[in-house]
Amino acid sequence: MRIALTVAALLAFASCGKKAPVFPTCGDNITNGEETDVDCGGRICTPCNSGKKCKVDTDCRNKLCNSDGVCAAPSCSDGILNGSEVDTDCGGGDCPPCADAHLCAGDNDCQSKVCNGGYCQAPSCSDGFKNGDETAIDCGGSCPPCDAAVPPPPMDLATTD
């Protein structure tokens, strides 16, 4: 019985020439609902790309809504982890390498050229890289001199006759 009433109501509504209400979606190619630009921003849709309208930082893919209400492009000095950065304003190829103890995805993300366990490591005299104040790989500067020969093992002073 309910189905018959529902069908009858729909037919009556359709026969009046009125359209059924359309609810805003994140794919209808218009700015509606809580969207801040076409099909982006707000609490429901995906964040907007640079250059699109915004109200708050979370409306933007790069997490920065400028004072003009437009999503800003990421920069290496905006104080926000965004763009290709692996840590805030460093690494990722577009920004300068990160300092020790910052997040990293590979050796090139670090000033020391050593990424271990996802963090930039301090230079050492045994890390296999020319870094810190070394003049060559793991020697010179505060490391042993580069031309130093490997010292012989200590001799046993007790001798047997």
C-alpha atoms as a PDB file:
ATOM      1  CA  MET A   1       0.000   0.000   0.000  1.00  0.00           C
ATOM      2  CA  ARG A   2       2.808   2.427   0.871  1.00  0.00           C
ATOM      3  CA  ILE A   3       4.518   1.784  -2.434  1.00  0.00           C
ATOM      4  CA  ALA A   4       1.342   2.554  -4.343  1.00  0.00           C
ATOM      5  CA  LEU A   5       0.892   5.825  -2.438  1.00  0.00           C
ATOM      6  CA  THR A   6       4.513   6.802  -3.022  1.00  0.00           C
ATOM      7  CA  VAL A   7       4.239   6.083  -6.750  1.00  0.00           C
ATOM      8  CA  ALA A   8       0.972   8.012  -6.947  1.00  0.00           C
ATOM      9  CA  ALA A   9       2.507  10.985  -5.143  1.00  0.00           C
ATOM     10  CA  LEU A  10       5.501  10.990  -7.467  1.00  0.00           C
ATOM     11  CA  LEU A  11       3.309  10.813 -10.538  1.00  0.00           C
ATOM     12  CA  ALA A  12       1.112  13.630  -9.258  1.00  0.00           C
ATOM     13  CA  PHE A  13       4.173  15.747  -8.477  1.00  0.00           C
ATOM     14  CA  ALA A  14       5.692  15.040 -11.901  1.00  0.00           C
ATOM     15  CA  SER A  15       2.455  15.875 -13.652  1.00  0.00           C
ATOM     16  CA  CYS A  16       2.451  19.346 -12.091  1.00  0.00           C
ATOM     17  CA  GLY A  17       5.498  20.212 -14.168  1.00  0.00           C
ATOM     18  CA  LYS A  18       7.612  20.919 -11.074  1.00  0.00           C
ATOM     19  CA  LYS A  19      11.123  19.604 -10.710  1.00  0.00           C
ATOM     20  CA  ALA A  20      12.171  17.520  -7.740  1.00  0.00           C
ATOM     21  CA  PRO A  21      14.511  19.387  -5.351  1.00  0.00           C
ATOM     22  CA  VAL A  22      18.202  19.086  -6.203  1.00  0.00           C
ATOM     23  CA  PHE A  23      20.636  18.755  -3.344  1.00  0.00           C
ATOM     24  CA  PRO A  24      24.113  20.305  -3.632  1.00  0.00           C
ATOM     25  CA  THR A  25      26.910  17.858  -4.371  1.00  0.00           C
ATOM     26  CA  CYS A  26      30.652  18.154  -4.754  1.00  0.00           C
ATOM     27  CA  GLY A  27      30.440  17.237  -8.407  1.00  0.00           C
ATOM     28  CA  ASP A  28      27.656  19.349  -9.882  1.00  0.00           C
ATOM     29  CA  ASN A  29      29.961  22.006 -11.422  1.00  0.00           C
ATOM     30  CA  ILE A  30      28.459  24.908  -9.467  1.00  0.00           C
ATOM     31  CA  THR A  31      29.283  26.621  -6.185  1.00  0.00           C
ATOM     32  CA  ASN A  32      26.538  25.648  -3.760  1.00  0.00           C
ATOM     33  CA  GLY A  33      25.939  24.238  -0.320  1.00  0.00           C
ATOM     34  CA  GLU A  34      28.939  24.894   1.912  1.00  0.00           C
ATOM     35  CA  GLU A  35      31.407  25.018  -1.000  1.00  0.00           C
ATOM     36  CA  THR A  36      33.694  28.042  -1.181  1.00  0.00           C
ATOM     37  CA  ASP A  37      34.343  27.593  -4.915  1.00  0.00           C
ATOM     38  CA  VAL A  38      33.062  25.247  -7.602  1.00  0.00           C
ATOM     39  CA  ASP A  39      32.856  21.768  -6.036  1.00  0.00           C
ATOM     40  CA  CYS A  40      35.561  22.378  -3.423  1.00  0.00           C
ATOM     41  CA  GLY A  41      36.091  23.773   0.047  1.00  0.00           C
ATOM     42  CA  GLY A  42      33.754  23.685   3.004  1.00  0.00           C
ATOM     43  CA  ARG A  43      33.322  20.761   5.370  1.00  0.00           C
ATOM     44  CA  ILE A  44      32.146  18.170   2.838  1.00  0.00           C
ATOM     45  CA  CYS A  45      34.045  18.660  -0.428  1.00  0.00           C
ATOM     46  CA  THR A  46      37.764  18.209  -1.034  1.00  0.00           C
ATOM     47  CA  PRO A  47      39.979  21.238  -0.397  1.00  0.00           C
ATOM     48  CA  CYS A  48      40.420  23.743  -3.232  1.00  0.00           C
ATOM     49  CA  ASN A  49      43.529  24.210  -5.370  1.00  0.00           C
ATOM     50  CA  SER A  50      45.566  27.425  -5.422  1.00  0.00           C
ATOM     51  CA  GLY A  51      43.688  30.397  -6.871  1.00  0.00           C
ATOM     52  CA  LYS A  52      40.236  29.176  -5.787  1.00  0.00           C
ATOM     53  CA  LYS A  53      38.017  30.996  -3.263  1.00  0.00           C
ATOM     54  CA  CYS A  54      38.229  30.112   0.417  1.00  0.00           C
ATOM     55  CA  LYS A  55      37.064  31.238   3.849  1.00  0.00           C
ATOM     56  CA  VAL A  56      39.457  29.346   6.125  1.00  0.00           C
ATOM     57  CA  ASP A  57      42.799  27.543   5.700  1.00  0.00           C
ATOM     58  CA  THR A  58      41.145  24.102   5.669  1.00  0.00           C
ATOM     59  CA  ASP A  59      39.261  25.085   2.492  1.00  0.00           C
ATOM     60  CA  CYS A  60      42.622  24.944   0.665  1.00  0.00           C
ATOM     61  CA  ARG A  61      44.690  21.943  -0.435  1.00  0.00           C
ATOM     62  CA  ASN A  62      47.822  23.908   0.540  1.00  0.00           C
ATOM     63  CA  LYS A  63      46.283  24.824   3.923  1.00  0.00           C
ATOM     64  CA  LEU A  64      46.631  28.585   3.368  1.00  0.00           C
ATOM     65  CA  CYS A  65      43.690  30.910   2.684  1.00  0.00           C
ATOM     66  CA  ASN A  66      45.092  34.424   2.198  1.00  0.00           C
ATOM     67  CA  SER A  67      43.489  37.681   3.358  1.00  0.00           C
ATOM     68  CA  ASP A  68      41.866  38.104  -0.083  1.00  0.00           C
ATOM     69  CA  GLY A  69      39.907  34.870   0.416  1.00  0.00           C
ATOM     70  CA  VAL A  70      41.939  32.958  -2.173  1.00  0.00           C
ATOM     71  CA  CYS A  71      43.879  29.720  -1.691  1.00  0.00           C
ATOM     72  CA  ALA A  72      47.576  30.619  -1.836  1.00  0.00           C
ATOM     73  CA  ALA A  73      50.274  28.582  -3.566  1.00  0.00           C
ATOM     74  CA  PRO A  74      52.657  26.793  -1.193  1.00  0.00           C
ATOM     75  CA  SER A  75      55.996  28.424  -0.433  1.00  0.00           C
ATOM     76  CA  CYS A  76      59.104  27.398   1.463  1.00  0.00           C
ATOM     77  CA  SER A  77      58.552  30.209   3.967  1.00  0.00           C
ATOM     78  CA  ASP A  78      54.840  30.048   4.826  1.00  0.00           C
ATOM     79  CA  GLY A  79      55.335  28.127   8.088  1.00  0.00           C
ATOM     80  CA  ILE A  80      53.002  25.344   6.908  1.00  0.00           C
ATOM     81  CA  LEU A  81      53.732  21.773   5.861  1.00  0.00           C
ATOM     82  CA  ASN A  82      52.336  21.861   2.312  1.00  0.00           C
ATOM     83  CA  GLY A  83      53.237  21.413  -1.328  1.00  0.00           C
ATOM     84  CA  SER A  84      55.984  18.817  -1.826  1.00  0.00           C
ATOM     85  CA  GLU A  85      57.639  19.535   1.544  1.00  0.00           C
ATOM     86  CA  VAL A  86      58.477  16.576   3.783  1.00  0.00           C
ATOM     87  CA  ASP A  87      58.685  18.795   6.871  1.00  0.00           C
ATOM     88  CA  THR A  88      57.573  22.368   7.393  1.00  0.00           C
ATOM     89  CA  ASP A  89      59.226  24.561   4.726  1.00  0.00           C
ATOM     90  CA  CYS A  90      62.007  22.087   3.894  1.00  0.00           C
ATOM     91  CA  GLY A  91      62.835  19.018   1.840  1.00  0.00           C
ATOM     92  CA  GLY A  92      60.864  17.498  -0.988  1.00  0.00           C
ATOM     93  CA  GLY A  93      62.906  18.914  -3.855  1.00  0.00           C
ATOM     94  CA  ASP A  94      61.281  22.349  -4.111  1.00  0.00           C
ATOM     95  CA  CYS A  95      62.509  23.682  -0.750  1.00  0.00           C
ATOM     96  CA  PRO A  96      65.962  23.731   0.853  1.00  0.00           C
ATOM     97  CA  PRO A  97      67.103  20.556   2.637  1.00  0.00           C
ATOM     98  CA  CYS A  98      65.985  20.050   6.250  1.00  0.00           C
ATOM     99  CA  ALA A  99      68.133  20.469   9.355  1.00  0.00           C
ATOM    100  CA  ASP A 100      69.001  17.596  11.714  1.00  0.00           C
ATOM    101  CA  ALA A 101      66.055  15.910  13.498  1.00  0.00           C
ATOM    102  CA  HIS A 102      63.506  17.056  10.880  1.00  0.00           C
ATOM    103  CA  LEU A 103      61.380  14.594   8.911  1.00  0.00           C
ATOM    104  CA  CYS A 104      62.799  13.238   5.661  1.00  0.00           C
ATOM    105  CA  ALA A 105      61.913  10.779   2.914  1.00  0.00           C
ATOM    106  CA  GLY A 106      65.429  10.397   1.509  1.00  0.00           C
ATOM    107  CA  ASP A 107      69.009  11.594   1.893  1.00  0.00           C
ATOM    108  CA  ASN A 108      68.488  14.595  -0.414  1.00  0.00           C
ATOM    109  CA  ASP A 109      65.877  16.003   1.998  1.00  0.00           C
ATOM    110  CA  CYS A 110      68.616  16.585   4.615  1.00  0.00           C
ATOM    111  CA  GLN A 111      71.376  19.177   4.926  1.00  0.00           C
ATOM    112  CA  SER A 112      73.606  16.373   6.228  1.00  0.00           C
ATOM    113  CA  LYS A 113      72.615  14.133   3.272  1.00  0.00           C
ATOM    114  CA  VAL A 114      71.743  11.423   5.838  1.00  0.00           C
ATOM    115  CA  CYS A 115      68.103  10.352   6.325  1.00  0.00           C
ATOM    116  CA  ASN A 116      67.710   7.437   8.715  1.00  0.00           C
ATOM    117  CA  GLY A 117      64.433   6.194  10.149  1.00  0.00           C
ATOM    118  CA  GLY A 118      62.558   9.094   8.548  1.00  0.00           C
ATOM    119  CA  TYR A 119      64.636  11.794  10.301  1.00  0.00           C
ATOM    120  CA  CYS A 120      67.634  13.848   9.196  1.00  0.00           C
ATOM    121  CA  GLN A 121      70.741  12.761  11.083  1.00  0.00           C
ATOM    122  CA  ALA A 122      73.684  14.870  12.229  1.00  0.00           C
ATOM    123  CA  PRO A 123      76.845  14.440  10.129  1.00  0.00           C
ATOM    124  CA  SER A 124      79.323  11.906  11.451  1.00  0.00           C
ATOM    125  CA  CYS A 125      82.792  10.749  10.473  1.00  0.00           C
ATOM    126  CA  SER A 126      81.433   7.333   9.494  1.00  0.00           C
ATOM    127  CA  ASP A 127      78.191   8.026   7.601  1.00  0.00           C
ATOM    128  CA  GLY A 128      79.644   7.559   4.103  1.00  0.00           C
ATOM    129  CA  PHE A 129      78.889  11.142   3.000  1.00  0.00           C
ATOM    130  CA  LYS A 130      80.951  14.313   2.629  1.00  0.00           C
ATOM    131  CA  ASN A 131      79.025  16.510   5.025  1.00  0.00           C
ATOM    132  CA  GLY A 132      79.499  18.779   7.995  1.00  0.00           C
ATOM    133  CA  ASP A 133      82.974  20.316   7.839  1.00  0.00           C
ATOM    134  CA  GLU A 134      84.584  17.284   6.148  1.00  0.00           C
ATOM    135  CA  THR A 135      86.935  17.985   3.252  1.00  0.00           C
ATOM    136  CA  ALA A 136      86.274  14.539   1.720  1.00  0.00           C
ATOM    137  CA  ILE A 137      84.001  11.612   2.586  1.00  0.00           C
ATOM    138  CA  ASP A 138      84.289  11.022   6.345  1.00  0.00           C
ATOM    139  CA  CYS A 139      87.666  12.750   6.717  1.00  0.00           C
ATOM    140  CA  GLY A 140      89.137  16.185   7.171  1.00  0.00           C
ATOM    141  CA  GLY A 141      87.684  19.007   9.212  1.00  0.00           C
ATOM    142  CA  SER A 142      86.699  17.673  12.622  1.00  0.00           C
ATOM    143  CA  CYS A 143      87.174  14.073  11.372  1.00  0.00           C
ATOM    144  CA  PRO A 144      90.555  12.318  11.104  1.00  0.00           C
ATOM    145  CA  PRO A 145      92.817  13.744   8.399  1.00  0.00           C
ATOM    146  CA  CYS A 146      92.179  12.335   4.954  1.00  0.00           C
ATOM    147  CA  ASP A 147      95.766  11.224   4.387  1.00  0.00           C
ATOM    148  CA  ALA A 148      96.144   9.522   7.747  1.00  0.00           C
ATOM    149  CA  ALA A 149      97.151   5.925   7.430  1.00  0.00           C
ATOM    150  CA  VAL A 150      95.209   3.402   9.418  1.00  0.00           C
ATOM    151  CA  PRO A 151      97.210   2.905  12.585  1.00  0.00           C
ATOM    152  CA  PRO A 152      98.631  -0.581  13.086  1.00  0.00           C
ATOM    153  CA  PRO A 153      97.110  -2.663  15.851  1.00  0.00           C
ATOM    154  CA  PRO A 154      98.868  -2.253  19.206  1.00  0.00           C
ATOM    155  CA  MET A 155     101.831  -4.553  19.679  1.00  0.00           C
ATOM    156  CA  ASP A 156     101.835  -6.937  22.566  1.00  0.00           C
ATOM    157  CA  LEU A 157     104.593  -5.735  24.887  1.00  0.00           C
ATOM    158  CA  ALA A 158     104.934  -9.096  26.558  1.00  0.00           C
ATOM    159  CA  THR A 159     107.216 -11.201  24.461  1.00  0.00           C
ATOM    160  CA  THR A 160     108.184 -14.804  24.909  1.00  0.00           C
ATOM    161  CA  ASP A 161     111.732 -16.079  24.521  1.00  0.00           C
END
